[in-house]
Amino acid sequence: MMRISISKFMMSVKTIFTNARRPEILTPMQQFGVDEPFLDECDQKSREASDIIAKQKLEYQELDIAYNNAYSKRDECEKNINILSKILRLHLRDNDEMANRIGLYKPKKSKVDDRIDQMHSFFLAVIKEPNLVNELSVYKITLAVVEGYIADIEEYKNLRSIVKSEKGQAENATQQRDKVLEELEFYVDKIRTIAKISLADSPQLLEELGVNVK
């Protein structure tokens, strides 16, 4: 398990791979398989890790944007339903039958997707009552206004789908990052292990590979 930040780890990897190519370090290790081709493989894995780390960061940036867009639209939709609900409570204060038919007093759903469906159903129920919509014109609430609320809900639903997609991509990128970092740690461990064997009498060189010498 990595005990330092990824950026510090990648910097140490670069230092170790670079120092391992120094002739006084590399030559003794070659007999145990740490040679130029192996170090070329190390460099390739390091570049791959850098690319995947950058991709993972980008995926989470895109996820943050998706969340922000969805939250903004959510707030707009909640504002819309709050306005319409208050007006309808006023307008239907003596008409419980109509209020119940459109679901005016139903408790707010806690789960996000359920809440989206609840708001969508509520607005649809309102426009299915043409007489009610006509009556709401006195409050400057028209059919076009309620249809606009529905359009906002549908956009919010689409933005939620984008969030789910971006979240899946970000999680997949994180798995790829963790896998390549684990592979990179193996290369580092191999160099250090072989160094401890072949450079046992050169503590100053071991330190160049990040090996603590007691």
Protein backbone atom coordinates (compact mmCIF):
# COMPACT_ATOMS: atom_id res chain seq x y z
CA MET A 1 0.00 0.00 0.00
CA MET A 2 1.36 3.40 -0.99
CA ARG A 3 2.27 5.55 2.02
CA ILE A 4 3.14 8.74 0.16
CA SER A 5 1.26 10.89 -2.32
CA ILE A 6 1.11 9.73 -5.92
CA SER A 7 3.02 12.79 -7.11
CA LYS A 8 5.86 12.14 -4.66
CA PHE A 9 5.89 8.48 -5.60
CA MET A 10 6.17 9.30 -9.30
CA MET A 11 9.03 11.73 -8.60
CA SER A 12 10.88 9.06 -6.60
CA VAL A 13 10.28 6.53 -9.39
CA LYS A 14 11.81 8.88 -11.94
CA THR A 15 14.85 9.42 -9.69
CA ILE A 16 15.33 5.71 -9.07
CA PHE A 17 15.01 4.75 -12.74
CA THR A 18 17.41 7.52 -13.75
CA ASN A 19 20.02 6.69 -11.11
CA ALA A 20 19.79 2.99 -11.86
CA ARG A 21 21.27 3.68 -15.32
CA ARG A 22 24.49 5.05 -13.86
CA PRO A 23 27.27 2.61 -14.84
CA GLU A 24 28.55 2.16 -11.29
CA ILE A 25 25.03 1.13 -10.22
CA LEU A 26 23.80 -0.70 -13.30
CA THR A 27 26.87 -2.83 -14.02
CA PRO A 28 26.78 -4.83 -10.76
CA MET A 29 23.03 -5.39 -11.11
CA GLN A 30 23.11 -6.73 -14.67
CA GLN A 31 24.02 -10.24 -13.57
CA PHE A 32 20.66 -10.39 -11.74
CA GLY A 33 18.53 -9.17 -14.65
CA VAL A 34 18.43 -5.44 -14.01
CA ASP A 35 19.90 -4.26 -17.30
CA GLU A 36 19.23 -1.67 -20.02
CA PRO A 37 16.27 -3.55 -21.58
CA PHE A 38 14.70 -3.92 -18.15
CA LEU A 39 15.16 -0.23 -17.42
CA ASP A 40 13.65 0.60 -20.81
CA GLU A 41 10.64 -1.44 -19.69
CA CYS A 42 10.62 0.51 -16.42
CA ASP A 43 10.58 3.81 -18.30
CA GLN A 44 7.76 2.59 -20.52
CA LYS A 45 5.70 1.59 -17.49
CA SER A 46 6.43 4.97 -15.88
CA ARG A 47 5.16 6.81 -18.97
CA GLU A 48 2.09 4.62 -19.03
CA ALA A 49 1.44 5.39 -15.37
CA SER A 50 1.80 9.13 -15.97
CA ASP A 51 -0.72 8.98 -18.83
CA ILE A 52 -3.21 6.99 -16.76
CA ILE A 53 -2.82 9.30 -13.75
CA ALA A 54 -3.49 12.31 -15.99
CA LYS A 55 -6.52 10.56 -17.48
CA GLN A 56 -7.86 9.74 -14.02
CA LYS A 57 -7.53 13.38 -12.93
CA LEU A 58 -9.32 14.53 -16.07
CA GLU A 59 -12.15 12.05 -15.53
CA TYR A 60 -12.73 13.40 -12.02
CA GLN A 61 -12.64 16.97 -13.29
CA GLU A 62 -15.33 16.06 -15.81
CA LEU A 63 -17.30 14.33 -13.05
CA ASP A 64 -17.13 17.49 -10.93
CA ILE A 65 -18.46 19.53 -13.85
CA ALA A 66 -21.28 17.03 -14.38
CA TYR A 67 -22.20 17.18 -10.69
CA ASN A 68 -22.16 20.99 -10.71
CA ASN A 69 -24.42 21.12 -13.77
CA ALA A 70 -26.82 18.62 -12.24
CA TYR A 71 -26.89 20.40 -8.88
CA SER A 72 -27.58 23.72 -10.58
CA LYS A 73 -30.49 22.27 -12.54
CA ARG A 74 -31.75 20.46 -9.43
CA ASP A 75 -31.90 23.75 -7.53
CA GLU A 76 -33.80 25.33 -10.41
CA CYS A 77 -36.31 22.48 -10.48
CA GLU A 78 -36.79 22.58 -6.71
CA LYS A 79 -37.37 26.33 -6.95
CA ASN A 80 -39.97 25.76 -9.68
CA ILE A 81 -41.91 23.15 -7.74
CA ASN A 82 -41.70 25.22 -4.57
CA ILE A 83 -43.23 28.24 -6.32
CA LEU A 84 -46.00 26.23 -7.97
CA SER A 85 -46.76 24.27 -4.79
CA LYS A 86 -47.15 27.43 -2.71
CA ILE A 87 -49.46 28.98 -5.28
CA LEU A 88 -51.52 25.79 -5.52
CA ARG A 89 -51.82 25.51 -1.73
CA LEU A 90 -53.23 29.00 -1.76
CA HIS A 91 -55.48 28.43 -4.75
CA LEU A 92 -56.74 25.00 -3.69
CA ARG A 93 -57.13 25.70 0.01
CA ASP A 94 -60.85 24.80 -0.30
CA ASN A 95 -60.46 22.07 -2.92
CA ASP A 96 -58.93 19.02 -1.27
CA GLU A 97 -60.16 16.74 -4.05
CA MET A 98 -58.14 18.56 -6.70
CA ALA A 99 -55.13 18.92 -4.38
CA ASN A 100 -55.09 15.19 -3.73
CA ARG A 101 -55.59 14.36 -7.39
CA ILE A 102 -52.45 16.23 -8.43
CA GLY A 103 -50.47 14.99 -5.40
CA LEU A 104 -50.00 18.44 -3.89
CA TYR A 105 -49.40 17.23 -0.34
CA LYS A 106 -47.36 14.10 -1.04
CA PRO A 107 -44.17 13.97 1.07
CA LYS A 108 -40.92 14.77 -0.69
CA LYS A 109 -39.04 11.68 -1.88
CA SER A 110 -35.54 11.40 -0.44
CA LYS A 111 -33.77 9.46 -3.22
CA VAL A 112 -32.63 11.64 -6.10
CA ASP A 113 -34.10 9.63 -8.97
CA ASP A 114 -37.37 9.14 -7.07
CA ARG A 115 -37.53 12.88 -6.45
CA ILE A 116 -37.03 13.60 -10.15
CA ASP A 117 -39.89 11.26 -11.04
CA GLN A 118 -42.05 12.81 -8.33
CA MET A 119 -41.55 16.36 -9.61
CA HIS A 120 -42.11 15.24 -13.20
CA SER A 121 -45.34 13.46 -12.26
CA PHE A 122 -46.56 16.47 -10.29
CA PHE A 123 -46.10 18.91 -13.17
CA LEU A 124 -47.74 16.47 -15.58
CA ALA A 125 -50.67 16.07 -13.22
CA VAL A 126 -51.14 19.85 -13.18
CA ILE A 127 -51.24 20.27 -16.96
CA LYS A 128 -53.72 17.39 -17.19
CA GLU A 129 -56.14 19.70 -15.39
CA PRO A 130 -56.87 22.34 -18.07
CA ASN A 131 -59.36 24.22 -15.90
CA LEU A 132 -56.79 24.46 -13.14
CA VAL A 133 -54.14 25.73 -15.54
CA ASN A 134 -56.52 28.38 -16.82
CA GLU A 135 -57.26 29.46 -13.26
CA LEU A 136 -53.56 29.77 -12.47
CA SER A 137 -53.15 32.46 -15.11
CA VAL A 138 -54.14 35.00 -12.48
CA TYR A 139 -50.83 34.19 -10.79
CA LYS A 140 -48.96 34.50 -14.11
CA ILE A 141 -48.62 30.70 -14.20
CA THR A 142 -49.53 29.56 -17.72
CA LEU A 143 -49.41 26.26 -19.57
CA ALA A 144 -46.15 27.38 -21.19
CA VAL A 145 -44.65 28.06 -17.76
CA VAL A 146 -45.52 24.60 -16.45
CA GLU A 147 -44.29 23.00 -19.67
CA GLY A 148 -41.05 24.88 -19.10
CA TYR A 149 -40.87 23.33 -15.63
CA ILE A 150 -41.27 19.90 -17.23
CA ALA A 151 -38.51 20.67 -19.73
CA ASP A 152 -36.24 21.59 -16.82
CA ILE A 153 -37.03 18.28 -15.11
CA GLU A 154 -36.22 16.35 -18.27
CA GLU A 155 -32.94 18.24 -18.62
CA TYR A 156 -32.15 17.49 -14.98
CA LYS A 157 -32.81 13.81 -15.63
CA ASN A 158 -30.42 13.88 -18.59
CA LEU A 159 -27.78 15.63 -16.49
CA ARG A 160 -28.17 12.93 -13.85
CA SER A 161 -27.52 10.32 -16.54
CA ILE A 162 -24.35 12.17 -17.49
CA VAL A 163 -23.27 12.15 -13.83
CA LYS A 164 -23.75 8.39 -13.64
CA SER A 165 -21.79 7.88 -16.85
CA GLU A 166 -18.96 10.17 -15.76
CA LYS A 167 -18.86 8.49 -12.34
CA GLY A 168 -18.47 5.08 -13.97
CA GLN A 169 -15.65 6.36 -16.18
CA ALA A 170 -13.92 8.01 -13.21
CA GLU A 171 -14.12 4.85 -11.12
CA ASN A 172 -12.78 2.78 -14.02
CA ALA A 173 -9.91 5.25 -14.48
CA THR A 174 -9.11 4.97 -10.77
CA GLN A 175 -8.96 1.19 -11.03
CA GLN A 176 -6.59 1.48 -14.00
CA ARG A 177 -4.45 3.97 -12.11
CA ASP A 178 -4.21 1.77 -9.04
CA LYS A 179 -3.29 -1.23 -11.18
CA VAL A 180 -0.49 0.54 -13.05
CA LEU A 181 0.87 2.03 -9.81
CA GLU A 182 0.97 -1.45 -8.31
CA GLU A 183 2.89 -2.66 -11.36
CA LEU A 184 5.25 0.29 -11.07
CA GLU A 185 5.88 -0.52 -7.42
CA PHE A 186 6.98 -4.00 -8.50
CA TYR A 187 9.63 -2.54 -10.81
CA VAL A 188 10.89 -0.30 -8.02
CA ASP A 189 10.97 -3.19 -5.56
CA LYS A 190 12.89 -5.32 -8.02
CA ILE A 191 15.55 -2.65 -8.55
CA ARG A 192 15.92 -2.07 -4.83
CA THR A 193 16.05 -5.76 -4.00
CA ILE A 194 18.71 -6.48 -6.61
CA ALA A 195 20.59 -3.36 -5.52
CA LYS A 196 20.71 -4.60 -1.93
CA ILE A 197 22.35 -7.79 -3.21
CA SER A 198 24.75 -6.39 -5.80
CA LEU A 199 25.59 -3.12 -4.04
CA ALA A 200 25.75 -4.41 -0.48
CA ASP A 201 29.19 -2.88 -0.03
CA SER A 202 28.24 0.50 -1.53
CA PRO A 203 25.75 2.13 0.86
CA GLN A 204 26.16 5.52 -0.81
CA LEU A 205 24.97 4.03 -4.10
CA LEU A 206 22.06 2.28 -2.41
CA GLU A 207 20.93 5.61 -1.07
CA GLU A 208 20.79 6.89 -4.66
CA LEU A 209 18.06 4.29 -5.22
CA GLY A 210 16.15 5.29 -2.13
CA VAL A 211 17.33 2.32 -0.10
CA ASN A 212 17.67 3.13 3.55
CA VAL A 213 21.07 2.00 4.81
CA LYS A 214 21.39 1.43 8.53
